[in-house]
Amino acid sequence: MTDKNNKIPFDEDNYTHNINRNNERKLDRRGFMKTLVGAAGVFAVSSLPWGAVAAKELAGLSDKKYPKQKITDIKSIAVGDAVDFAFPGEHDSAILVRLSENKYVAYQNACTHLRCPVFWDKKEEEMICPCHHGKFNVNTGVPFAGPPRRPLPEIVVKVENGAVYAVRVKRYEA
């Protein structure tokens, strides 16, 4: 055998690795750090548009307006009854409950625990999530039993010309 592998090719004091391999010095520690900083820069620049979109969306949460939407006629809902509807989008289920002659409350129809639908129990006068036996106060939407900890998102309603309209979704306040 030859003793080629046992020879040090350069006279360096800090020689610690084998440089006989091909292209070993192309990506040393300094080159790796430069590549890492370059990749981080490219990532930062490429994510700027998404950050601007997210900031615009977050800034507009308090001012988000939806077109007024008719839920039902007053004549078609008796005191103590409830009506399901969709607001603000067609896939956003909601429920309207008539509590008295002039008092209406509406909430988004998704439990704040795991988003199961919430039902109005007229006999017990409470909102019930059948998935985990969560219960909500119909006047405030605040949970009082089961695993939900946050109140149901409220939909502001307005009575005009013999009909009930959904006006906006009340912003959730922690």
N, C-alpha and C. Protein backbone atom coordinates (compact mmCIF):
# COMPACT_ATOMS: atom_id res chain seq x y z
N MET A 1 0.83 -1.18 0.00
CA MET A 1 0.00 0.00 0.00
C MET A 1 0.87 1.24 0.00
N THR A 2 0.29 2.30 -0.55
CA THR A 2 1.03 3.55 -0.54
C THR A 2 0.67 4.34 0.70
N ASP A 3 1.50 5.21 1.05
CA ASP A 3 1.20 6.07 2.20
C ASP A 3 0.73 7.45 1.74
N LYS A 4 0.03 7.49 0.58
CA LYS A 4 -0.49 8.73 0.02
C LYS A 4 -1.50 9.40 0.96
N ASN A 5 -2.34 8.60 1.59
CA ASN A 5 -3.36 9.17 2.48
C ASN A 5 -2.80 9.67 3.79
N ASN A 6 -1.64 9.35 4.10
CA ASN A 6 -1.07 9.80 5.37
C ASN A 6 -0.27 11.09 5.23
N LYS A 7 -0.16 11.63 4.02
CA LYS A 7 0.63 12.84 3.81
C LYS A 7 -0.25 14.09 3.93
N ILE A 8 0.28 15.13 4.47
CA ILE A 8 -0.39 16.42 4.56
C ILE A 8 0.03 17.22 3.34
N PRO A 9 -0.94 17.64 2.46
CA PRO A 9 -0.55 18.29 1.21
C PRO A 9 -0.02 19.70 1.39
N PHE A 10 -0.45 20.42 2.42
CA PHE A 10 0.00 21.80 2.61
C PHE A 10 0.61 21.93 3.98
N ASP A 11 1.46 22.91 4.09
CA ASP A 11 2.04 23.20 5.39
C ASP A 11 1.15 24.20 6.12
N GLU A 12 0.14 23.73 6.76
CA GLU A 12 -0.75 24.59 7.53
C GLU A 12 -0.70 24.16 8.97
N ASP A 13 -0.77 25.18 9.83
CA ASP A 13 -0.77 24.85 11.25
C ASP A 13 -2.12 24.31 11.71
N ASN A 14 -3.19 24.84 11.09
CA ASN A 14 -4.52 24.43 11.55
C ASN A 14 -5.17 23.41 10.61
N TYR A 15 -4.37 22.64 9.95
CA TYR A 15 -4.91 21.64 9.04
C TYR A 15 -5.60 20.57 9.85
N THR A 16 -6.92 20.42 9.64
CA THR A 16 -7.67 19.44 10.43
C THR A 16 -8.47 18.47 9.60
N HIS A 17 -8.52 18.62 8.30
CA HIS A 17 -9.37 17.72 7.53
C HIS A 17 -8.67 17.32 6.24
N ASN A 18 -9.21 16.37 5.62
CA ASN A 18 -8.64 15.82 4.40
C ASN A 18 -9.10 16.65 3.21
N ILE A 19 -8.20 17.27 2.51
CA ILE A 19 -8.57 18.08 1.35
C ILE A 19 -8.25 17.37 0.05
N ASN A 20 -7.95 16.11 0.12
CA ASN A 20 -7.72 15.36 -1.11
C ASN A 20 -9.00 15.01 -1.83
N ARG A 21 -10.11 15.08 -1.15
CA ARG A 21 -11.38 14.79 -1.80
C ARG A 21 -11.71 15.90 -2.78
N ASN A 22 -12.46 15.54 -3.81
CA ASN A 22 -12.84 16.52 -4.82
C ASN A 22 -13.86 17.51 -4.27
N ASN A 23 -13.64 18.77 -4.55
CA ASN A 23 -14.58 19.85 -4.22
C ASN A 23 -14.90 19.99 -2.74
N GLU A 24 -14.03 19.58 -1.90
CA GLU A 24 -14.33 19.66 -0.48
C GLU A 24 -14.34 21.09 0.04
N ARG A 25 -13.56 21.94 -0.52
CA ARG A 25 -13.45 23.32 -0.02
C ARG A 25 -14.48 24.26 -0.65
N LYS A 26 -15.37 23.77 -1.53
CA LYS A 26 -16.33 24.67 -2.18
C LYS A 26 -17.38 25.19 -1.20
N LEU A 27 -17.81 24.39 -0.25
CA LEU A 27 -18.80 24.85 0.72
C LEU A 27 -18.24 24.68 2.13
N ASP A 28 -17.42 25.62 2.50
CA ASP A 28 -16.89 25.61 3.86
C ASP A 28 -17.86 26.35 4.78
N ARG A 29 -17.49 26.57 6.00
CA ARG A 29 -18.37 27.20 6.98
C ARG A 29 -18.80 28.60 6.54
N ARG A 30 -17.88 29.37 6.02
CA ARG A 30 -18.21 30.72 5.57
C ARG A 30 -19.16 30.69 4.37
N GLY A 31 -18.92 29.78 3.44
CA GLY A 31 -19.81 29.64 2.29
C GLY A 31 -21.20 29.19 2.70
N PHE A 32 -21.25 28.27 3.66
CA PHE A 32 -22.54 27.82 4.16
C PHE A 32 -23.31 28.96 4.81
N MET A 33 -22.63 29.79 5.61
CA MET A 33 -23.30 30.93 6.26
C MET A 33 -23.78 31.95 5.23
N LYS A 34 -23.00 32.18 4.19
CA LYS A 34 -23.43 33.10 3.13
C LYS A 34 -24.68 32.56 2.44
N THR A 35 -24.69 31.27 2.16
CA THR A 35 -25.86 30.66 1.52
C THR A 35 -27.08 30.76 2.43
N LEU A 36 -26.88 30.53 3.72
CA LEU A 36 -27.98 30.61 4.69
C LEU A 36 -28.55 32.01 4.78
N VAL A 37 -27.69 33.02 4.82
CA VAL A 37 -28.15 34.41 4.89
C VAL A 37 -28.87 34.79 3.59
N GLY A 38 -28.35 34.33 2.46
CA GLY A 38 -29.00 34.61 1.18
C GLY A 38 -30.39 33.98 1.11
N ALA A 39 -30.50 32.74 1.57
CA ALA A 39 -31.80 32.06 1.56
C ALA A 39 -32.79 32.76 2.49
N ALA A 40 -32.32 33.20 3.66
CA ALA A 40 -33.20 33.93 4.59
C ALA A 40 -33.66 35.25 3.97
N GLY A 41 -32.78 35.93 3.26
CA GLY A 41 -33.15 37.17 2.60
C GLY A 41 -34.18 36.96 1.52
N VAL A 42 -33.98 35.93 0.72
CA VAL A 42 -34.96 35.62 -0.34
C VAL A 42 -36.31 35.28 0.28
N PHE A 43 -36.30 34.50 1.37
CA PHE A 43 -37.56 34.16 2.04
C PHE A 43 -38.24 35.41 2.59
N ALA A 44 -37.47 36.30 3.21
CA ALA A 44 -38.06 37.51 3.79
C ALA A 44 -38.68 38.40 2.71
N VAL A 45 -37.96 38.57 1.62
CA VAL A 45 -38.49 39.42 0.54
C VAL A 45 -39.72 38.78 -0.11
N SER A 46 -39.70 37.45 -0.28
CA SER A 46 -40.84 36.80 -0.92
C SER A 46 -42.07 36.77 -0.03
N SER A 47 -41.91 36.88 1.29
CA SER A 47 -43.08 36.84 2.18
C SER A 47 -43.66 38.23 2.44
N LEU A 48 -43.04 39.29 2.00
CA LEU A 48 -43.55 40.65 2.23
C LEU A 48 -44.97 40.86 1.68
N PRO A 49 -45.27 40.42 0.47
CA PRO A 49 -46.65 40.64 -0.01
C PRO A 49 -47.69 39.95 0.87
N TRP A 50 -47.40 38.77 1.39
CA TRP A 50 -48.36 38.07 2.25
C TRP A 50 -48.53 38.80 3.58
N GLY A 51 -47.46 39.37 4.09
CA GLY A 51 -47.56 40.15 5.32
C GLY A 51 -48.43 41.38 5.12
N ALA A 52 -48.31 42.02 3.97
CA ALA A 52 -49.14 43.18 3.67
C ALA A 52 -50.61 42.79 3.57
N VAL A 53 -50.90 41.65 2.95
CA VAL A 53 -52.28 41.17 2.84
C VAL A 53 -52.84 40.87 4.23
N ALA A 54 -52.05 40.19 5.09
CA ALA A 54 -52.50 39.87 6.44
C ALA A 54 -52.74 41.12 7.26
N ALA A 55 -51.84 42.11 7.16
CA ALA A 55 -52.01 43.35 7.91
C ALA A 55 -53.26 44.10 7.45
N LYS A 56 -53.51 44.11 6.16
CA LYS A 56 -54.71 44.77 5.63
C LYS A 56 -55.96 44.07 6.14
N GLU A 57 -55.95 42.75 6.17
CA GLU A 57 -57.11 41.99 6.65
C GLU A 57 -57.34 42.24 8.14
N LEU A 58 -56.28 42.23 8.93
CA LEU A 58 -56.42 42.45 10.37
C LEU A 58 -56.88 43.87 10.68
N ALA A 59 -56.42 44.83 9.91
CA ALA A 59 -56.82 46.22 10.13
C ALA A 59 -58.29 46.45 9.80
N GLY A 60 -58.80 45.67 8.89
CA GLY A 60 -60.18 45.87 8.45
C GLY A 60 -61.21 45.08 9.22
N LEU A 61 -60.80 44.33 10.25
CA LEU A 61 -61.76 43.50 10.97
C LEU A 61 -62.82 44.34 11.67
N SER A 62 -62.43 45.46 12.24
CA SER A 62 -63.40 46.25 12.98
C SER A 62 -64.36 47.00 12.06
N ASP A 63 -63.95 47.25 10.85
CA ASP A 63 -64.78 48.03 9.93
C ASP A 63 -65.51 47.17 8.91
N LYS A 64 -65.43 45.89 9.05
CA LYS A 64 -66.02 45.03 8.04
C LYS A 64 -67.54 45.21 8.01
N LYS A 65 -68.03 45.56 6.86
CA LYS A 65 -69.47 45.79 6.71
C LYS A 65 -70.02 44.77 5.72
N TYR A 66 -71.21 44.35 6.03
CA TYR A 66 -71.91 43.40 5.17
C TYR A 66 -73.22 44.04 4.74
N PRO A 67 -73.70 43.67 3.60
CA PRO A 67 -75.00 44.22 3.20
C PRO A 67 -76.11 43.71 4.12
N LYS A 68 -77.05 44.59 4.42
CA LYS A 68 -78.18 44.23 5.27
C LYS A 68 -78.95 43.11 4.61
N GLN A 69 -79.31 42.10 5.41
CA GLN A 69 -79.96 40.92 4.84
C GLN A 69 -81.24 40.62 5.60
N LYS A 70 -82.33 40.45 4.89
CA LYS A 70 -83.61 40.12 5.52
C LYS A 70 -83.56 38.68 6.03
N ILE A 71 -83.96 38.50 7.30
CA ILE A 71 -84.00 37.15 7.88
C ILE A 71 -85.39 36.57 7.74
N THR A 72 -86.38 37.30 8.24
CA THR A 72 -87.76 36.81 8.19
C THR A 72 -88.72 37.96 8.45
N ASP A 73 -89.98 37.73 8.16
CA ASP A 73 -91.03 38.68 8.52
C ASP A 73 -91.41 38.46 9.97
N ILE A 74 -91.78 39.52 10.65
CA ILE A 74 -92.17 39.42 12.05
C ILE A 74 -93.37 38.49 12.21
N LYS A 75 -94.29 38.54 11.27
CA LYS A 75 -95.50 37.73 11.36
C LYS A 75 -95.20 36.23 11.30
N SER A 76 -94.11 35.85 10.70
CA SER A 76 -93.84 34.43 10.49
C SER A 76 -93.03 33.79 11.62
N ILE A 77 -92.68 34.55 12.66
CA ILE A 77 -91.95 33.97 13.78
C ILE A 77 -92.67 34.34 15.09
N ALA A 78 -93.10 33.33 15.82
CA ALA A 78 -93.82 33.55 17.07
C ALA A 78 -92.83 33.79 18.20
N VAL A 79 -93.32 34.38 19.29
CA VAL A 79 -92.47 34.60 20.46
C VAL A 79 -92.02 33.23 20.99
N GLY A 80 -90.71 33.08 21.20
CA GLY A 80 -90.14 31.82 21.69
C GLY A 80 -89.66 30.91 20.59
N ASP A 81 -89.92 31.25 19.34
CA ASP A 81 -89.47 30.41 18.22
C ASP A 81 -88.12 30.90 17.68
N ALA A 82 -87.51 30.06 16.86
CA ALA A 82 -86.22 30.39 16.26
C ALA A 82 -86.26 30.13 14.76
N VAL A 83 -85.41 30.85 14.05
CA VAL A 83 -85.29 30.70 12.60
C VAL A 83 -83.82 30.57 12.25
N ASP A 84 -83.49 29.59 11.44
CA ASP A 84 -82.11 29.45 10.93
C ASP A 84 -81.95 30.29 9.67
N PHE A 85 -80.81 30.89 9.53
CA PHE A 85 -80.50 31.66 8.32
C PHE A 85 -79.00 31.66 8.11
N ALA A 86 -78.54 32.25 7.04
CA ALA A 86 -77.11 32.33 6.73
C ALA A 86 -76.69 33.79 6.68
N PHE A 87 -75.63 34.13 7.42
CA PHE A 87 -75.12 35.50 7.43
C PHE A 87 -73.71 35.49 8.00
N PRO A 88 -72.77 36.21 7.49
CA PRO A 88 -72.81 37.11 6.35
C PRO A 88 -72.67 36.41 5.00
N GLY A 89 -72.10 35.21 5.00
CA GLY A 89 -71.99 34.47 3.74
C GLY A 89 -73.01 33.36 3.69
N GLU A 90 -73.14 32.76 2.54
CA GLU A 90 -74.14 31.69 2.40
C GLU A 90 -73.75 30.43 3.16
N HIS A 91 -72.49 30.30 3.57
CA HIS A 91 -72.06 29.13 4.32
C HIS A 91 -71.90 29.42 5.81
N ASP A 92 -72.26 30.63 6.25
CA ASP A 92 -72.17 31.00 7.66
C ASP A 92 -73.54 30.84 8.30
N SER A 93 -73.74 29.70 8.93
CA SER A 93 -75.03 29.40 9.54
C SER A 93 -75.26 30.28 10.76
N ALA A 94 -76.50 30.72 10.93
CA ALA A 94 -76.85 31.57 12.06
C ALA A 94 -78.25 31.22 12.53
N ILE A 95 -78.58 31.68 13.73
CA ILE A 95 -79.90 31.39 14.30
C ILE A 95 -80.46 32.67 14.92
N LEU A 96 -81.74 32.92 14.66
CA LEU A 96 -82.45 34.07 15.21
C LEU A 96 -83.49 33.53 16.18
N VAL A 97 -83.54 34.13 17.38
CA VAL A 97 -84.52 33.72 18.39
C VAL A 97 -85.34 34.96 18.76
N ARG A 98 -86.68 34.79 18.76
CA ARG A 98 -87.54 35.88 19.19
C ARG A 98 -87.85 35.65 20.67
N LEU A 99 -87.35 36.53 21.52
CA LEU A 99 -87.49 36.34 22.96
C LEU A 99 -88.78 36.97 23.51
N SER A 100 -89.21 38.08 22.91
CA SER A 100 -90.46 38.72 23.34
C SER A 100 -91.04 39.43 22.11
N GLU A 101 -92.05 40.24 22.33
CA GLU A 101 -92.69 40.93 21.20
C GLU A 101 -91.70 41.79 20.42
N ASN A 102 -90.77 42.42 21.14
CA ASN A 102 -89.86 43.35 20.47
C ASN A 102 -88.38 43.01 20.64
N LYS A 103 -88.10 41.86 21.22
CA LYS A 103 -86.69 41.52 21.45
C LYS A 103 -86.29 40.30 20.61
N TYR A 104 -85.26 40.51 19.79
CA TYR A 104 -84.71 39.45 18.94
C TYR A 104 -83.21 39.34 19.21
N VAL A 105 -82.71 38.13 19.23
CA VAL A 105 -81.26 37.92 19.33
C VAL A 105 -80.85 36.95 18.24
N ALA A 106 -79.65 37.13 17.75
CA ALA A 106 -79.14 36.24 16.69
C ALA A 106 -77.66 35.96 16.97
N TYR A 107 -77.28 34.73 16.70
CA TYR A 107 -75.90 34.31 16.91
C TYR A 107 -75.45 33.46 15.73
N GLN A 108 -74.15 33.43 15.53
CA GLN A 108 -73.63 32.49 14.55
C GLN A 108 -73.83 31.09 15.12
N ASN A 109 -74.27 30.22 14.28
CA ASN A 109 -74.71 28.90 14.72
C ASN A 109 -73.57 27.89 14.70
N ALA A 110 -72.53 28.16 15.46
CA ALA A 110 -71.41 27.23 15.58
C ALA A 110 -70.87 27.33 16.99
N CYS A 111 -70.86 26.22 17.68
CA CYS A 111 -70.36 26.19 19.06
C CYS A 111 -68.91 26.66 19.07
N THR A 112 -68.56 27.42 20.08
CA THR A 112 -67.19 27.95 20.16
C THR A 112 -66.20 26.91 20.67
N HIS A 113 -66.66 25.71 20.93
CA HIS A 113 -65.75 24.64 21.34
C HIS A 113 -65.18 23.94 20.12
N LEU A 114 -66.04 23.26 19.36
CA LEU A 114 -65.57 22.55 18.16
C LEU A 114 -66.45 22.83 16.94
N ARG A 115 -67.19 23.92 16.98
CA ARG A 115 -67.99 24.41 15.85
C ARG A 115 -69.13 23.49 15.46
N CYS A 116 -69.66 22.71 16.38
CA CYS A 116 -70.87 21.93 16.11
C CYS A 116 -72.05 22.91 16.04
N PRO A 117 -73.10 22.56 15.32
CA PRO A 117 -74.26 23.47 15.27
C PRO A 117 -74.93 23.58 16.64
N VAL A 118 -75.46 24.75 16.92
CA VAL A 118 -76.14 25.03 18.18
C VAL A 118 -77.64 25.11 17.89
N PHE A 119 -78.43 24.53 18.78
CA PHE A 119 -79.87 24.50 18.59
C PHE A 119 -80.57 25.25 19.72
N TRP A 120 -81.74 25.79 19.40
CA TRP A 120 -82.55 26.52 20.36
C TRP A 120 -83.51 25.53 21.02
N ASP A 121 -83.44 25.43 22.34
CA ASP A 121 -84.37 24.59 23.09
C ASP A 121 -85.41 25.51 23.72
N LYS A 122 -86.57 25.56 23.09
CA LYS A 122 -87.64 26.47 23.52
C LYS A 122 -88.13 26.13 24.93
N LYS A 123 -88.22 24.85 25.23
CA LYS A 123 -88.74 24.41 26.53
C LYS A 123 -87.81 24.85 27.67
N GLU A 124 -86.50 24.69 27.48
CA GLU A 124 -85.53 25.06 28.52
C GLU A 124 -85.05 26.51 28.38
N GLU A 125 -85.37 27.14 27.26
CA GLU A 125 -84.95 28.51 26.95
C GLU A 125 -83.44 28.67 27.03
N GLU A 126 -82.74 27.81 26.30
CA GLU A 126 -81.28 27.88 26.24
C GLU A 126 -80.79 27.37 24.89
N MET A 127 -79.60 27.77 24.53
CA MET A 127 -78.97 27.32 23.30
C MET A 127 -78.12 26.10 23.66
N ILE A 128 -78.29 25.02 22.90
CA ILE A 128 -77.63 23.76 23.24
C ILE A 128 -76.74 23.29 22.09
N CYS A 129 -75.53 22.88 22.45
CA CYS A 129 -74.65 22.22 21.50
C CYS A 129 -74.71 20.72 21.82
N PRO A 130 -75.29 19.91 20.96
CA PRO A 130 -75.49 18.50 21.28
C PRO A 130 -74.20 17.67 21.23
N CYS A 131 -73.15 18.18 20.63
CA CYS A 131 -71.91 17.40 20.49
C CYS A 131 -71.28 17.09 21.85
N HIS A 132 -71.15 18.11 22.72
CA HIS A 132 -70.50 17.91 24.01
C HIS A 132 -71.32 18.51 25.14
N HIS A 133 -72.62 18.68 24.91
CA HIS A 133 -73.57 19.16 25.92
C HIS A 133 -73.21 20.56 26.42
N GLY A 134 -72.77 21.40 25.51
CA GLY A 134 -72.53 22.80 25.84
C GLY A 134 -73.84 23.55 25.85
N LYS A 135 -73.95 24.52 26.75
CA LYS A 135 -75.16 25.32 26.84
C LYS A 135 -74.79 26.80 26.89
N PHE A 136 -75.59 27.61 26.21
CA PHE A 136 -75.34 29.05 26.11
C PHE A 136 -76.57 29.81 26.59
N ASN A 137 -76.34 30.94 27.25
CA ASN A 137 -77.41 31.84 27.65
C ASN A 137 -77.95 32.51 26.40
N VAL A 138 -79.25 32.44 26.20
CA VAL A 138 -79.83 32.99 24.97
C VAL A 138 -79.79 34.52 24.95
N ASN A 139 -79.77 35.17 26.09
CA ASN A 139 -79.75 36.64 26.12
C ASN A 139 -78.38 37.22 25.81
N THR A 140 -77.34 36.50 26.21
CA THR A 140 -75.98 37.04 26.04
C THR A 140 -75.09 36.20 25.14
N GLY A 141 -75.43 34.94 24.96
CA GLY A 141 -74.58 34.04 24.18
C GLY A 141 -73.42 33.47 24.99
N VAL A 142 -73.37 33.76 26.28
CA VAL A 142 -72.28 33.30 27.14
C VAL A 142 -72.52 31.84 27.53
N PRO A 143 -71.47 31.01 27.46
CA PRO A 143 -71.64 29.60 27.85
C PRO A 143 -71.76 29.46 29.37
N PHE A 144 -72.60 28.52 29.80
CA PHE A 144 -72.71 28.28 31.24
C PHE A 144 -72.62 26.80 31.58
N ALA A 145 -72.45 25.93 30.59
CA ALA A 145 -72.28 24.51 30.86
C ALA A 145 -71.51 23.89 29.70
N GLY A 146 -70.78 22.82 30.01
CA GLY A 146 -70.05 22.11 28.97
C GLY A 146 -68.69 22.70 28.71
N PRO A 147 -68.01 22.20 27.68
CA PRO A 147 -66.64 22.65 27.42
C PRO A 147 -66.48 24.03 26.78
N PRO A 148 -67.49 24.63 26.11
CA PRO A 148 -67.23 25.95 25.50
C PRO A 148 -66.87 27.00 26.55
N ARG A 149 -65.88 27.85 26.22
CA ARG A 149 -65.45 28.90 27.14
C ARG A 149 -65.72 30.29 26.60
N ARG A 150 -65.94 30.41 25.31
CA ARG A 150 -66.17 31.72 24.70
C ARG A 150 -67.64 31.85 24.30
N PRO A 151 -68.17 33.06 24.32
CA PRO A 151 -69.57 33.25 23.92
C PRO A 151 -69.76 33.08 22.41
N LEU A 152 -70.99 32.82 22.02
CA LEU A 152 -71.31 32.72 20.61
C LEU A 152 -71.16 34.09 19.96
N PRO A 153 -70.60 34.17 18.77
CA PRO A 153 -70.53 35.47 18.08
C PRO A 153 -71.93 36.00 17.79
N GLU A 154 -72.18 37.23 18.20
CA GLU A 154 -73.51 37.82 18.06
C GLU A 154 -73.67 38.50 16.71
N ILE A 155 -74.85 38.38 16.17
CA ILE A 155 -75.21 39.08 14.95
C ILE A 155 -76.19 40.18 15.33
N VAL A 156 -75.87 41.39 14.96
CA VAL A 156 -76.73 42.53 15.29
C VAL A 156 -77.91 42.52 14.33
N VAL A 157 -79.11 42.59 14.89
CA VAL A 157 -80.31 42.57 14.07
C VAL A 157 -81.05 43.90 14.21
N LYS A 158 -81.86 44.20 13.21
CA LYS A 158 -82.62 45.45 13.20
C LYS A 158 -84.02 45.12 12.66
N VAL A 159 -85.02 45.71 13.28
CA VAL A 159 -86.40 45.49 12.84
C VAL A 159 -86.85 46.70 12.05
N GLU A 160 -87.26 46.47 10.81
CA GLU A 160 -87.72 47.56 9.93
C GLU A 160 -88.87 47.06 9.06
N ASN A 161 -89.88 47.84 8.95
CA ASN A 161 -90.98 47.58 8.02
C ASN A 161 -91.55 46.16 8.17
N GLY A 162 -91.69 45.71 9.40
CA GLY A 162 -92.30 44.40 9.65
C GLY A 162 -91.40 43.23 9.35
N ALA A 163 -90.11 43.45 9.26
CA ALA A 163 -89.18 42.35 8.99
C ALA A 163 -87.95 42.51 9.88
N VAL A 164 -87.26 41.39 10.09
CA VAL A 164 -86.03 41.40 10.88
C VAL A 164 -84.86 41.27 9.92
N TYR A 165 -83.86 42.14 10.08
CA TYR A 165 -82.70 42.15 9.21
C TYR A 165 -81.43 41.88 10.01
N ALA A 166 -80.50 41.16 9.43
CA ALA A 166 -79.16 41.01 9.99
C ALA A 166 -78.33 42.16 9.44
N VAL A 167 -77.68 42.90 10.36
CA VAL A 167 -76.96 44.10 9.95
C VAL A 167 -75.45 43.86 9.92
N ARG A 168 -74.93 43.30 11.01
CA ARG A 168 -73.48 43.06 11.07
C ARG A 168 -73.19 42.00 12.12
N VAL A 169 -71.94 41.49 12.07
CA VAL A 169 -71.47 40.54 13.07
C VAL A 169 -70.69 41.34 14.10
N LYS A 170 -71.09 41.18 15.36
CA LYS A 170 -70.42 41.91 16.43
C LYS A 170 -69.03 41.33 16.62
N ARG A 171 -68.06 42.20 16.73
CA ARG A 171 -66.68 41.76 16.87
C ARG A 171 -66.48 41.05 18.20
N TYR A 172 -65.77 39.94 18.15
CA TYR A 172 -65.52 39.17 19.36
C TYR A 172 -64.55 39.93 20.25
N GLU A 173 -64.90 40.08 21.52
CA GLU A 173 -64.03 40.77 22.47
C GLU A 173 -63.59 39.78 23.53
N ALA A 174 -62.29 39.63 23.67
CA ALA A 174 -61.76 38.65 24.63
C ALA A 174 -61.84 39.17 26.04
